[in-house]
Amino acid sequence: MSIADTSPARDAVHPVLWIMIAVMIGFELLFAAADAGLVPEGLGRWPAYLNLAFFDLMLEYARAGNGVEPQLVWSLLTHAFLHGGWLHLAMNGAAFLGLGHALVRMIGIGRFLVIFAVTAIAGALTFGLIAQTVGPLVGASGAIFGLFAVLTAWQERALRRAGRSRAMIWRRIGGLVALNVALAFGLGGLLAWQAHLGGWVAGWLLAGMFRPRYGPMRAF
């Protein structure tokens, strides 16, 4: 049986999630080593960003009919493994492991990877279509909002089928909107709320394509 067809033990984080986190940490370690002069500068943060991060300018270039740069294709996904520093990685990493573990338990690692990839791509495309910036998009937060949206959509549908109030769902969504607005102003435009929006919408839509193995209300 392939790894995509199996699910981890109830309390064990799937090895693939650890591998994905290890890649994210590995990039930050590499950047720190470059800053310390232990590895060539070409392996530092900005060279990596220039090759693996998503840039709004690349999408604008393609939309103008100038062709699609190869980086535009892979950076739709690779940007999610890069971060803006250890604090950024710590916040995203904790959310990724918590939400990812819940999803893997409910649908398996193969379907989780599909959701992660689609929501990361949707986040990058939404960022490219809405944002007006020359800076790079890095971080897994678009995909993380997508994972959260899947779980929230399942819970909303379970509550609706049971005839129970869904007020907690709308409060949760309202809280996320308020948090993004506050952070967008507080961080001076550095928050990629567009990626969060794209990832969330994609995750909400994807929730209808996958059926969890047990009641989603138990995952909260």
N, C-alpha and C. Protein backbone atom coordinates (compact mmCIF):
# COMPACT_ATOMS: atom_id res chain seq x y z
N MET A 1 0.85 -1.20 0.00
CA MET A 1 0.00 0.00 0.00
C MET A 1 0.88 1.24 0.00
N SER A 2 0.55 2.23 -0.84
CA SER A 2 1.38 3.41 -0.95
C SER A 2 1.14 4.36 0.22
N ILE A 3 2.06 5.30 0.39
CA ILE A 3 1.94 6.25 1.49
C ILE A 3 0.71 7.12 1.33
N ALA A 4 0.28 7.35 0.07
CA ALA A 4 -0.90 8.18 -0.18
C ALA A 4 -2.18 7.49 0.25
N ASP A 5 -2.14 6.17 0.44
CA ASP A 5 -3.35 5.43 0.78
C ASP A 5 -3.45 5.13 2.27
N THR A 6 -2.48 5.55 3.03
CA THR A 6 -2.47 5.22 4.45
C THR A 6 -2.63 6.47 5.28
N SER A 7 -3.07 6.30 6.51
CA SER A 7 -3.17 7.42 7.44
C SER A 7 -2.36 7.08 8.68
N PRO A 8 -1.80 8.10 9.36
CA PRO A 8 -0.97 7.85 10.51
C PRO A 8 -1.80 7.43 11.71
N ALA A 9 -1.13 6.94 12.72
CA ALA A 9 -1.81 6.65 13.98
C ALA A 9 -2.44 7.93 14.50
N ARG A 10 -3.47 7.78 15.31
CA ARG A 10 -4.29 8.92 15.71
C ARG A 10 -3.46 10.07 16.28
N ASP A 11 -2.46 9.78 17.11
CA ASP A 11 -1.72 10.84 17.78
C ASP A 11 -0.34 11.09 17.19
N ALA A 12 -0.03 10.45 16.09
CA ALA A 12 1.28 10.62 15.48
C ALA A 12 1.19 11.54 14.28
N VAL A 13 2.04 12.55 14.24
CA VAL A 13 2.10 13.44 13.09
C VAL A 13 2.72 12.67 11.93
N HIS A 14 2.09 12.73 10.77
CA HIS A 14 2.57 11.97 9.62
C HIS A 14 3.99 12.40 9.23
N PRO A 15 4.86 11.46 8.87
CA PRO A 15 6.24 11.80 8.50
C PRO A 15 6.34 12.83 7.38
N VAL A 16 5.40 12.81 6.44
CA VAL A 16 5.46 13.77 5.34
C VAL A 16 5.31 15.20 5.85
N LEU A 17 4.50 15.40 6.89
CA LEU A 17 4.38 16.74 7.47
C LEU A 17 5.70 17.18 8.09
N TRP A 18 6.38 16.25 8.76
CA TRP A 18 7.69 16.58 9.32
C TRP A 18 8.69 16.90 8.23
N ILE A 19 8.61 16.18 7.11
CA ILE A 19 9.53 16.45 6.00
C ILE A 19 9.29 17.85 5.44
N MET A 20 8.02 18.22 5.29
CA MET A 20 7.70 19.55 4.77
C MET A 20 8.19 20.64 5.70
N ILE A 21 8.00 20.44 7.00
CA ILE A 21 8.51 21.40 7.98
C ILE A 21 10.04 21.44 7.93
N ALA A 22 10.67 20.29 7.77
CA ALA A 22 12.12 20.23 7.70
C ALA A 22 12.65 21.03 6.51
N VAL A 23 11.95 20.98 5.39
CA VAL A 23 12.36 21.76 4.23
C VAL A 23 12.29 23.25 4.55
N MET A 24 11.20 23.68 5.19
CA MET A 24 11.05 25.09 5.56
C MET A 24 12.17 25.52 6.51
N ILE A 25 12.44 24.68 7.51
CA ILE A 25 13.51 24.99 8.46
C ILE A 25 14.86 24.98 7.77
N GLY A 26 15.04 24.04 6.85
CA GLY A 26 16.30 23.94 6.13
C GLY A 26 16.64 25.21 5.37
N PHE A 27 15.63 25.83 4.77
CA PHE A 27 15.89 27.09 4.07
C PHE A 27 16.37 28.16 5.04
N GLU A 28 15.72 28.28 6.20
CA GLU A 28 16.14 29.30 7.16
C GLU A 28 17.54 29.03 7.69
N LEU A 29 17.87 27.77 7.91
CA LEU A 29 19.23 27.42 8.34
C LEU A 29 20.24 27.78 7.27
N LEU A 30 19.89 27.53 6.01
CA LEU A 30 20.78 27.87 4.91
C LEU A 30 20.99 29.37 4.82
N PHE A 31 19.92 30.12 5.00
CA PHE A 31 20.03 31.59 4.95
C PHE A 31 20.90 32.10 6.09
N ALA A 32 20.72 31.51 7.28
CA ALA A 32 21.55 31.91 8.43
C ALA A 32 23.02 31.59 8.18
N ALA A 33 23.26 30.43 7.57
CA ALA A 33 24.64 30.05 7.26
C ALA A 33 25.25 31.00 6.24
N ALA A 34 24.46 31.43 5.26
CA ALA A 34 24.96 32.38 4.27
C ALA A 34 25.27 33.73 4.92
N ASP A 35 24.40 34.16 5.82
CA ASP A 35 24.64 35.42 6.53
C ASP A 35 25.91 35.36 7.37
N ALA A 36 26.21 34.16 7.89
CA ALA A 36 27.40 33.98 8.73
C ALA A 36 28.65 33.70 7.91
N GLY A 37 28.51 33.64 6.60
CA GLY A 37 29.66 33.39 5.74
C GLY A 37 30.10 31.94 5.69
N LEU A 38 29.23 31.02 6.14
CA LEU A 38 29.59 29.61 6.15
C LEU A 38 29.33 28.92 4.82
N VAL A 39 28.48 29.52 4.01
CA VAL A 39 28.19 29.01 2.67
C VAL A 39 28.21 30.20 1.72
N PRO A 40 28.31 29.97 0.42
CA PRO A 40 28.35 31.09 -0.54
C PRO A 40 27.12 31.98 -0.44
N GLU A 41 27.31 33.27 -0.72
CA GLU A 41 26.20 34.23 -0.67
C GLU A 41 25.09 33.86 -1.65
N GLY A 42 25.45 33.14 -2.70
CA GLY A 42 24.46 32.73 -3.68
C GLY A 42 23.42 31.79 -3.13
N LEU A 43 23.66 31.25 -1.93
CA LEU A 43 22.70 30.37 -1.27
C LEU A 43 21.91 31.11 -0.19
N GLY A 44 22.03 32.42 -0.18
CA GLY A 44 21.36 33.22 0.83
C GLY A 44 19.90 33.48 0.53
N ARG A 45 19.29 34.31 1.38
CA ARG A 45 17.86 34.55 1.30
C ARG A 45 17.41 35.15 -0.03
N TRP A 46 18.03 36.25 -0.42
CA TRP A 46 17.53 36.92 -1.61
C TRP A 46 17.79 36.15 -2.90
N PRO A 47 18.93 35.50 -3.06
CA PRO A 47 19.06 34.62 -4.24
C PRO A 47 17.98 33.54 -4.28
N ALA A 48 17.64 32.99 -3.11
CA ALA A 48 16.58 31.98 -3.07
C ALA A 48 15.24 32.60 -3.42
N TYR A 49 14.96 33.78 -2.88
CA TYR A 49 13.71 34.47 -3.21
C TYR A 49 13.61 34.72 -4.71
N LEU A 50 14.69 35.16 -5.30
CA LEU A 50 14.67 35.50 -6.73
C LEU A 50 14.43 34.28 -7.61
N ASN A 51 14.69 33.10 -7.07
CA ASN A 51 14.51 31.88 -7.85
C ASN A 51 13.28 31.07 -7.47
N LEU A 52 12.80 31.22 -6.22
CA LEU A 52 11.74 30.34 -5.73
C LEU A 52 10.51 31.08 -5.22
N ALA A 53 10.62 32.36 -4.89
CA ALA A 53 9.47 33.11 -4.39
C ALA A 53 8.56 33.50 -5.54
N PHE A 54 7.32 33.84 -5.19
CA PHE A 54 6.36 34.29 -6.20
C PHE A 54 6.37 35.81 -6.25
N PHE A 55 6.43 36.35 -7.47
CA PHE A 55 6.44 37.80 -7.66
C PHE A 55 5.24 38.21 -8.51
N ASP A 56 4.54 39.22 -8.03
CA ASP A 56 3.41 39.77 -8.78
C ASP A 56 3.84 40.21 -10.18
N LEU A 57 5.05 40.71 -10.31
CA LEU A 57 5.54 41.19 -11.60
C LEU A 57 5.57 40.08 -12.65
N MET A 58 5.85 38.84 -12.24
CA MET A 58 5.88 37.73 -13.20
C MET A 58 4.50 37.48 -13.78
N LEU A 59 3.48 37.55 -12.94
CA LEU A 59 2.12 37.34 -13.42
C LEU A 59 1.69 38.49 -14.31
N GLU A 60 2.05 39.72 -13.93
CA GLU A 60 1.72 40.87 -14.76
C GLU A 60 2.39 40.75 -16.12
N TYR A 61 3.61 40.26 -16.14
CA TYR A 61 4.35 40.08 -17.39
C TYR A 61 3.64 39.08 -18.30
N ALA A 62 3.16 37.97 -17.69
CA ALA A 62 2.45 36.95 -18.46
C ALA A 62 1.11 37.47 -18.95
N ARG A 63 0.40 38.21 -18.11
CA ARG A 63 -0.92 38.74 -18.48
C ARG A 63 -0.81 39.75 -19.61
N ALA A 64 0.34 40.39 -19.74
CA ALA A 64 0.55 41.36 -20.81
C ALA A 64 0.86 40.68 -22.14
N GLY A 65 0.86 39.35 -22.15
CA GLY A 65 1.10 38.61 -23.38
C GLY A 65 2.55 38.41 -23.72
N ASN A 66 3.42 38.51 -22.73
CA ASN A 66 4.85 38.38 -22.97
C ASN A 66 5.38 36.98 -22.71
N GLY A 67 4.47 36.03 -22.51
CA GLY A 67 4.92 34.66 -22.26
C GLY A 67 5.00 34.36 -20.77
N VAL A 68 5.09 33.09 -20.46
CA VAL A 68 5.13 32.64 -19.07
C VAL A 68 6.55 32.23 -18.71
N GLU A 69 7.12 32.91 -17.74
CA GLU A 69 8.44 32.54 -17.25
C GLU A 69 8.35 31.22 -16.49
N PRO A 70 9.32 30.31 -16.65
CA PRO A 70 9.27 29.03 -15.93
C PRO A 70 9.11 29.21 -14.42
N GLN A 71 9.76 30.23 -13.86
CA GLN A 71 9.66 30.44 -12.41
C GLN A 71 8.23 30.71 -11.97
N LEU A 72 7.43 31.33 -12.85
CA LEU A 72 6.04 31.61 -12.49
C LEU A 72 5.30 30.32 -12.17
N VAL A 73 5.67 29.24 -12.84
CA VAL A 73 4.99 27.96 -12.64
C VAL A 73 5.38 27.35 -11.31
N TRP A 74 6.68 27.15 -11.08
CA TRP A 74 7.06 26.45 -9.84
C TRP A 74 6.93 27.33 -8.60
N SER A 75 7.05 28.65 -8.78
CA SER A 75 6.97 29.52 -7.60
C SER A 75 5.56 29.60 -7.03
N LEU A 76 4.56 29.18 -7.81
CA LEU A 76 3.20 29.12 -7.27
C LEU A 76 3.13 28.20 -6.08
N LEU A 77 4.04 27.23 -6.02
CA LEU A 77 4.08 26.28 -4.90
C LEU A 77 5.31 26.48 -4.01
N THR A 78 6.47 26.74 -4.62
CA THR A 78 7.70 26.82 -3.82
C THR A 78 7.71 28.00 -2.85
N HIS A 79 6.94 29.04 -3.15
CA HIS A 79 6.92 30.19 -2.23
C HIS A 79 6.45 29.77 -0.84
N ALA A 80 5.64 28.71 -0.76
CA ALA A 80 5.08 28.29 0.53
C ALA A 80 6.13 27.67 1.45
N PHE A 81 7.29 27.32 0.92
CA PHE A 81 8.34 26.71 1.74
C PHE A 81 9.39 27.73 2.17
N LEU A 82 9.26 28.96 1.71
CA LEU A 82 10.16 30.04 2.10
C LEU A 82 9.44 30.94 3.11
N HIS A 83 10.22 31.55 4.00
CA HIS A 83 9.62 32.45 4.97
C HIS A 83 10.51 33.68 5.15
N GLY A 84 9.96 34.64 5.88
CA GLY A 84 10.66 35.90 6.06
C GLY A 84 11.52 35.97 7.30
N GLY A 85 11.77 34.85 7.94
CA GLY A 85 12.58 34.81 9.15
C GLY A 85 12.05 33.75 10.10
N TRP A 86 12.74 33.60 11.23
CA TRP A 86 12.38 32.54 12.17
C TRP A 86 11.02 32.74 12.81
N LEU A 87 10.66 33.99 13.13
CA LEU A 87 9.36 34.23 13.74
C LEU A 87 8.23 33.89 12.77
N HIS A 88 8.38 34.33 11.53
CA HIS A 88 7.40 34.01 10.49
C HIS A 88 7.25 32.50 10.34
N LEU A 89 8.36 31.80 10.31
CA LEU A 89 8.34 30.34 10.17
C LEU A 89 7.72 29.68 11.39
N ALA A 90 8.04 30.17 12.59
CA ALA A 90 7.50 29.57 13.81
C ALA A 90 5.99 29.65 13.84
N MET A 91 5.44 30.80 13.49
CA MET A 91 3.98 30.96 13.50
C MET A 91 3.32 30.07 12.45
N ASN A 92 3.85 30.12 11.24
CA ASN A 92 3.27 29.31 10.18
C ASN A 92 3.50 27.82 10.42
N GLY A 93 4.67 27.47 10.94
CA GLY A 93 4.97 26.07 11.18
C GLY A 93 4.06 25.43 12.20
N ALA A 94 3.78 26.16 13.28
CA ALA A 94 2.89 25.63 14.30
C ALA A 94 1.48 25.43 13.75
N ALA A 95 0.99 26.42 13.00
CA ALA A 95 -0.35 26.30 12.41
C ALA A 95 -0.39 25.18 11.38
N PHE A 96 0.67 25.06 10.59
CA PHE A 96 0.73 24.01 9.57
C PHE A 96 0.66 22.63 10.20
N LEU A 97 1.44 22.41 11.25
CA LEU A 97 1.44 21.09 11.88
C LEU A 97 0.10 20.77 12.53
N GLY A 98 -0.49 21.75 13.22
CA GLY A 98 -1.76 21.50 13.89
C GLY A 98 -2.88 21.22 12.91
N LEU A 99 -3.03 22.10 11.93
CA LEU A 99 -4.10 21.92 10.95
C LEU A 99 -3.82 20.73 10.03
N GLY A 100 -2.55 20.59 9.64
CA GLY A 100 -2.19 19.48 8.76
C GLY A 100 -2.43 18.14 9.41
N HIS A 101 -2.09 18.02 10.69
CA HIS A 101 -2.30 16.76 11.41
C HIS A 101 -3.79 16.41 11.45
N ALA A 102 -4.63 17.42 11.74
CA ALA A 102 -6.07 17.17 11.79
C ALA A 102 -6.59 16.71 10.43
N LEU A 103 -6.14 17.35 9.37
CA LEU A 103 -6.62 16.99 8.03
C LEU A 103 -6.13 15.62 7.60
N VAL A 104 -4.87 15.30 7.88
CA VAL A 104 -4.33 14.00 7.48
C VAL A 104 -5.09 12.88 8.18
N ARG A 105 -5.42 13.08 9.45
CA ARG A 105 -6.20 12.07 10.18
C ARG A 105 -7.56 11.86 9.54
N MET A 106 -8.11 12.91 8.95
CA MET A 106 -9.48 12.83 8.44
C MET A 106 -9.58 12.40 6.99
N ILE A 107 -8.54 12.67 6.18
CA ILE A 107 -8.64 12.33 4.75
C ILE A 107 -7.41 11.63 4.20
N GLY A 108 -6.35 11.49 4.98
CA GLY A 108 -5.15 10.83 4.48
C GLY A 108 -4.15 11.81 3.89
N ILE A 109 -2.92 11.36 3.79
CA ILE A 109 -1.83 12.24 3.37
C ILE A 109 -1.93 12.65 1.91
N GLY A 110 -2.40 11.74 1.04
CA GLY A 110 -2.48 12.07 -0.37
C GLY A 110 -3.42 13.22 -0.65
N ARG A 111 -4.61 13.16 -0.09
CA ARG A 111 -5.58 14.22 -0.29
C ARG A 111 -5.16 15.51 0.41
N PHE A 112 -4.49 15.37 1.55
CA PHE A 112 -3.97 16.56 2.21
C PHE A 112 -3.00 17.30 1.29
N LEU A 113 -2.11 16.57 0.64
CA LEU A 113 -1.13 17.20 -0.24
C LEU A 113 -1.80 17.91 -1.41
N VAL A 114 -2.88 17.33 -1.91
CA VAL A 114 -3.63 17.99 -2.98
C VAL A 114 -4.19 19.32 -2.48
N ILE A 115 -4.79 19.30 -1.29
CA ILE A 115 -5.37 20.52 -0.73
C ILE A 115 -4.28 21.55 -0.48
N PHE A 116 -3.17 21.12 0.09
CA PHE A 116 -2.07 22.06 0.36
C PHE A 116 -1.60 22.72 -0.93
N ALA A 117 -1.38 21.92 -1.97
CA ALA A 117 -0.87 22.45 -3.24
C ALA A 117 -1.87 23.40 -3.87
N VAL A 118 -3.13 23.01 -3.94
CA VAL A 118 -4.15 23.83 -4.60
C VAL A 118 -4.34 25.15 -3.86
N THR A 119 -4.39 25.11 -2.54
CA THR A 119 -4.62 26.35 -1.78
C THR A 119 -3.39 27.26 -1.82
N ALA A 120 -2.20 26.68 -1.85
CA ALA A 120 -0.99 27.51 -1.98
C ALA A 120 -0.98 28.20 -3.34
N ILE A 121 -1.33 27.47 -4.38
CA ILE A 121 -1.38 28.04 -5.72
C ILE A 121 -2.46 29.11 -5.81
N ALA A 122 -3.63 28.82 -5.25
CA ALA A 122 -4.72 29.80 -5.27
C ALA A 122 -4.33 31.07 -4.53
N GLY A 123 -3.63 30.91 -3.40
CA GLY A 123 -3.17 32.07 -2.66
C GLY A 123 -2.22 32.94 -3.46
N ALA A 124 -1.29 32.29 -4.15
CA ALA A 124 -0.32 33.04 -4.95
C ALA A 124 -1.00 33.75 -6.12
N LEU A 125 -1.91 33.07 -6.79
CA LEU A 125 -2.60 33.69 -7.93
C LEU A 125 -3.46 34.87 -7.48
N THR A 126 -4.14 34.73 -6.35
CA THR A 126 -4.95 35.83 -5.83
C THR A 126 -4.07 37.01 -5.45
N PHE A 127 -2.93 36.71 -4.84
CA PHE A 127 -1.96 37.76 -4.52
C PHE A 127 -1.53 38.47 -5.80
N GLY A 128 -1.22 37.69 -6.83
CA GLY A 128 -0.77 38.29 -8.08
C GLY A 128 -1.82 39.12 -8.77
N LEU A 129 -3.09 38.72 -8.62
CA LEU A 129 -4.16 39.44 -9.30
C LEU A 129 -4.57 40.71 -8.57
N ILE A 130 -4.39 40.73 -7.24
CA ILE A 130 -4.87 41.87 -6.45
C ILE A 130 -3.75 42.80 -6.02
N ALA A 131 -2.66 42.23 -5.54
CA ALA A 131 -1.58 43.04 -4.98
C ALA A 131 -0.88 43.85 -6.06
N GLN A 132 -0.40 44.99 -5.68
CA GLN A 132 0.40 45.83 -6.55
C GLN A 132 1.73 46.08 -5.84
N THR A 133 2.66 45.17 -6.02
CA THR A 133 3.92 45.25 -5.30
C THR A 133 5.04 44.63 -6.11
N VAL A 134 6.25 45.08 -5.85
CA VAL A 134 7.42 44.48 -6.49
C VAL A 134 8.08 43.48 -5.56
N GLY A 135 7.58 43.39 -4.32
CA GLY A 135 8.16 42.47 -3.35
C GLY A 135 7.70 41.05 -3.57
N PRO A 136 8.41 40.09 -2.98
CA PRO A 136 8.07 38.68 -3.17
C PRO A 136 6.98 38.22 -2.20
N LEU A 137 6.26 37.20 -2.61
CA LEU A 137 5.33 36.50 -1.72
C LEU A 137 6.04 35.25 -1.22
N VAL A 138 6.21 35.15 0.10
CA VAL A 138 6.80 33.96 0.70
C VAL A 138 5.96 33.55 1.90
N GLY A 139 5.97 32.27 2.23
CA GLY A 139 5.26 31.79 3.41
C GLY A 139 4.13 30.86 3.07
N ALA A 140 3.83 29.97 4.02
CA ALA A 140 2.79 28.97 3.83
C ALA A 140 1.41 29.43 4.28
N SER A 141 1.26 30.72 4.61
CA SER A 141 0.01 31.17 5.22
C SER A 141 -1.18 31.06 4.27
N GLY A 142 -0.98 31.23 2.97
CA GLY A 142 -2.09 31.05 2.04
C GLY A 142 -2.65 29.64 2.12
N ALA A 143 -1.75 28.66 2.11
CA ALA A 143 -2.16 27.26 2.23
C ALA A 143 -2.75 26.99 3.61
N ILE A 144 -2.18 27.60 4.64
CA ILE A 144 -2.68 27.39 6.01
C ILE A 144 -4.11 27.89 6.13
N PHE A 145 -4.41 29.05 5.56
CA PHE A 145 -5.79 29.53 5.57
C PHE A 145 -6.68 28.57 4.79
N GLY A 146 -6.14 27.96 3.74
CA GLY A 146 -6.90 26.98 3.00
C GLY A 146 -7.21 25.75 3.82
N LEU A 147 -6.24 25.27 4.58
CA LEU A 147 -6.47 24.11 5.45
C LEU A 147 -7.52 24.43 6.50
N PHE A 148 -7.43 25.61 7.08
CA PHE A 148 -8.39 26.02 8.10
C PHE A 148 -9.80 26.13 7.50
N ALA A 149 -9.86 26.61 6.26
CA ALA A 149 -11.15 26.75 5.59
C ALA A 149 -11.80 25.40 5.35
N VAL A 150 -11.01 24.40 4.98
CA VAL A 150 -11.56 23.06 4.76
C VAL A 150 -12.21 22.54 6.04
N LEU A 151 -11.48 22.63 7.14
CA LEU A 151 -12.00 22.15 8.41
C LEU A 151 -13.22 22.95 8.85
N THR A 152 -13.20 24.26 8.64
CA THR A 152 -14.32 25.09 9.02
C THR A 152 -15.55 24.78 8.17
N ALA A 153 -15.34 24.57 6.87
CA ALA A 153 -16.47 24.25 5.98
C ALA A 153 -17.09 22.92 6.37
N TRP A 154 -16.29 21.93 6.71
CA TRP A 154 -16.84 20.65 7.15
C TRP A 154 -17.67 20.83 8.42
N GLN A 155 -17.15 21.62 9.34
CA GLN A 155 -17.89 21.82 10.58
C GLN A 155 -19.19 22.58 10.33
N GLU A 156 -19.14 23.57 9.45
CA GLU A 156 -20.35 24.32 9.13
C GLU A 156 -21.43 23.41 8.55
N ARG A 157 -21.03 22.51 7.66
CA ARG A 157 -22.00 21.61 7.05
C ARG A 157 -22.52 20.59 8.04
N ALA A 158 -21.65 20.14 8.94
CA ALA A 158 -22.11 19.20 9.96
C ALA A 158 -23.13 19.85 10.89
N LEU A 159 -22.88 21.10 11.28
CA LEU A 159 -23.82 21.82 12.13
C LEU A 159 -25.14 22.06 11.41
N ARG A 160 -25.03 22.41 10.13
CA ARG A 160 -26.25 22.66 9.36
C ARG A 160 -27.10 21.41 9.22
N ARG A 161 -26.44 20.27 8.94
CA ARG A 161 -27.19 19.02 8.81
C ARG A 161 -27.84 18.60 10.14
N ALA A 162 -27.16 18.94 11.24
CA ALA A 162 -27.70 18.59 12.55
C ALA A 162 -28.73 19.59 13.04
N GLY A 163 -28.97 20.64 12.27
CA GLY A 163 -29.94 21.65 12.68
C GLY A 163 -29.48 22.51 13.82
N ARG A 164 -28.16 22.61 14.00
CA ARG A 164 -27.61 23.39 15.10
C ARG A 164 -27.15 24.76 14.62
N SER A 165 -26.99 25.68 15.55
CA SER A 165 -26.56 27.04 15.22
C SER A 165 -25.16 27.04 14.62
N ARG A 166 -24.99 27.86 13.62
CA ARG A 166 -23.68 28.02 12.99
C ARG A 166 -23.06 29.38 13.33
N ALA A 167 -23.57 29.99 14.39
CA ALA A 167 -23.06 31.31 14.76
C ALA A 167 -21.57 31.29 15.04
N MET A 168 -21.08 30.20 15.64
CA MET A 168 -19.65 30.11 15.93
C MET A 168 -18.81 30.15 14.66
N ILE A 169 -19.35 29.60 13.58
CA ILE A 169 -18.63 29.61 12.31
C ILE A 169 -18.50 31.02 11.78
N TRP A 170 -19.60 31.78 11.81
CA TRP A 170 -19.56 33.14 11.30
C TRP A 170 -18.72 34.04 12.20
N ARG A 171 -18.73 33.76 13.52
CA ARG A 171 -17.84 34.53 14.41
C ARG A 171 -16.38 34.24 14.10
N ARG A 172 -16.09 32.98 13.82
CA ARG A 172 -14.72 32.62 13.48
C ARG A 172 -14.25 33.31 12.22
N ILE A 173 -15.11 33.31 11.20
CA ILE A 173 -14.75 33.97 9.95
C ILE A 173 -14.61 35.48 10.16
N GLY A 174 -15.54 36.06 10.91
CA GLY A 174 -15.45 37.49 11.21
C GLY A 174 -14.18 37.83 11.96
N GLY A 175 -13.79 36.96 12.90
CA GLY A 175 -12.56 37.18 13.64
C GLY A 175 -11.33 37.14 12.76
N LEU A 176 -11.33 36.21 11.79
CA LEU A 176 -10.20 36.11 10.87
C LEU A 176 -10.10 37.35 9.98
N VAL A 177 -11.26 37.83 9.53
CA VAL A 177 -11.27 39.05 8.72
C VAL A 177 -10.73 40.22 9.52
N ALA A 178 -11.21 40.37 10.76
CA ALA A 178 -10.76 41.47 11.61
C ALA A 178 -9.26 41.38 11.89
N LEU A 179 -8.78 40.15 12.14
CA LEU A 179 -7.36 39.96 12.40
C LEU A 179 -6.52 40.35 11.19
N ASN A 180 -6.96 39.96 10.00
CA ASN A 180 -6.21 40.30 8.80
C ASN A 180 -6.20 41.80 8.54
N VAL A 181 -7.34 42.45 8.79
CA VAL A 181 -7.39 43.90 8.61
C VAL A 181 -6.43 44.59 9.59
N ALA A 182 -6.47 44.14 10.85
CA ALA A 182 -5.61 44.76 11.86
C ALA A 182 -4.14 44.55 11.54
N LEU A 183 -3.79 43.33 11.15
CA LEU A 183 -2.39 43.04 10.84
C LEU A 183 -1.94 43.75 9.56
N ALA A 184 -2.85 43.87 8.60
CA ALA A 184 -2.49 44.55 7.35
C ALA A 184 -2.09 45.99 7.62
N PHE A 185 -2.83 46.65 8.51
CA PHE A 185 -2.49 48.03 8.86
C PHE A 185 -1.30 48.07 9.81
N GLY A 186 -1.27 47.15 10.76
CA GLY A 186 -0.20 47.15 11.75
C GLY A 186 1.17 46.83 11.17
N LEU A 187 1.19 46.01 10.14
CA LEU A 187 2.46 45.62 9.52
C LEU A 187 2.83 46.48 8.33
N GLY A 188 2.08 47.53 8.11
CA GLY A 188 2.44 48.47 7.06
C GLY A 188 2.42 47.88 5.66
N GLY A 189 1.45 47.01 5.38
CA GLY A 189 1.33 46.45 4.04
C GLY A 189 2.16 45.21 3.80
N LEU A 190 2.86 44.71 4.83
CA LEU A 190 3.71 43.53 4.65
C LEU A 190 2.91 42.23 4.73
N LEU A 191 1.68 42.29 5.22
CA LEU A 191 0.86 41.09 5.32
C LEU A 191 0.23 40.78 3.96
N ALA A 192 0.41 39.57 3.48
CA ALA A 192 -0.15 39.16 2.19
C ALA A 192 -1.57 38.65 2.39
N TRP A 193 -2.48 39.56 2.75
CA TRP A 193 -3.86 39.16 3.01
C TRP A 193 -4.52 38.61 1.75
N GLN A 194 -4.01 39.03 0.59
CA GLN A 194 -4.58 38.53 -0.66
C GLN A 194 -4.37 37.01 -0.79
N ALA A 195 -3.19 36.55 -0.35
CA ALA A 195 -2.91 35.11 -0.39
C ALA A 195 -3.79 34.37 0.61
N HIS A 196 -4.03 34.98 1.76
CA HIS A 196 -4.92 34.39 2.76
C HIS A 196 -6.33 34.23 2.18
N LEU A 197 -6.79 35.27 1.50
CA LEU A 197 -8.13 35.24 0.91
C LEU A 197 -8.23 34.14 -0.15
N GLY A 198 -7.25 34.09 -1.05
CA GLY A 198 -7.28 33.08 -2.10
C GLY A 198 -7.21 31.67 -1.56
N GLY A 199 -6.35 31.46 -0.55
CA GLY A 199 -6.24 30.14 0.05
C GLY A 199 -7.52 29.73 0.75
N TRP A 200 -8.15 30.68 1.46
CA TRP A 200 -9.39 30.39 2.18
C TRP A 200 -10.51 30.01 1.20
N VAL A 201 -10.71 30.80 0.18
CA VAL A 201 -11.78 30.52 -0.79
C VAL A 201 -11.56 29.17 -1.45
N ALA A 202 -10.32 28.89 -1.85
CA ALA A 202 -10.02 27.60 -2.48
C ALA A 202 -10.28 26.45 -1.51
N GLY A 203 -9.88 26.62 -0.25
CA GLY A 203 -10.10 25.58 0.75
C GLY A 203 -11.57 25.32 1.00
N TRP A 204 -12.35 26.39 1.07
CA TRP A 204 -13.80 26.25 1.30
C TRP A 204 -14.44 25.46 0.16
N LEU A 205 -14.02 25.76 -1.07
CA LEU A 205 -14.57 25.05 -2.23
C LEU A 205 -14.10 23.60 -2.27
N LEU A 206 -12.84 23.37 -1.92
CA LEU A 206 -12.31 22.01 -1.93
C LEU A 206 -12.96 21.12 -0.89
N ALA A 207 -13.47 21.71 0.17
CA ALA A 207 -14.09 20.92 1.24
C ALA A 207 -15.22 20.06 0.71
N GLY A 208 -15.90 20.54 -0.34
CA GLY A 208 -17.00 19.77 -0.90
C GLY A 208 -16.55 18.59 -1.74
N MET A 209 -15.26 18.50 -2.05
CA MET A 209 -14.76 17.42 -2.88
C MET A 209 -14.26 16.23 -2.07
N PHE A 210 -14.03 16.43 -0.79
CA PHE A 210 -13.48 15.38 0.05
C PHE A 210 -14.39 15.12 1.24
N ARG A 211 -14.57 13.87 1.56
CA ARG A 211 -15.42 13.49 2.69
C ARG A 211 -14.55 13.03 3.85
N PRO A 212 -14.65 13.71 4.99
CA PRO A 212 -13.81 13.31 6.14
C PRO A 212 -14.21 11.94 6.65
N ARG A 213 -13.23 11.26 7.27
CA ARG A 213 -13.46 9.89 7.74
C ARG A 213 -14.25 9.83 9.03
N TYR A 214 -14.35 10.95 9.74
CA TYR A 214 -15.19 11.02 10.95
C TYR A 214 -15.70 12.43 11.09
N GLY A 215 -16.64 12.61 11.99
CA GLY A 215 -17.31 13.89 12.14
C GLY A 215 -16.35 15.05 12.33
N PRO A 216 -16.40 16.07 11.48
CA PRO A 216 -15.47 17.20 11.58
C PRO A 216 -15.59 17.98 12.86
N MET A 217 -16.74 17.93 13.54
CA MET A 217 -16.87 18.71 14.78
C MET A 217 -15.92 18.19 15.85
N ARG A 218 -15.48 16.92 15.72
CA ARG A 218 -14.56 16.36 16.71
C ARG A 218 -13.14 16.86 16.52
N ALA A 219 -12.87 17.53 15.42
CA ALA A 219 -11.52 18.01 15.17
C ALA A 219 -11.28 19.38 15.77
N PHE A 220 -12.28 19.96 16.44
CA PHE A 220 -12.16 21.32 16.98
C PHE A 220 -12.30 21.31 18.48
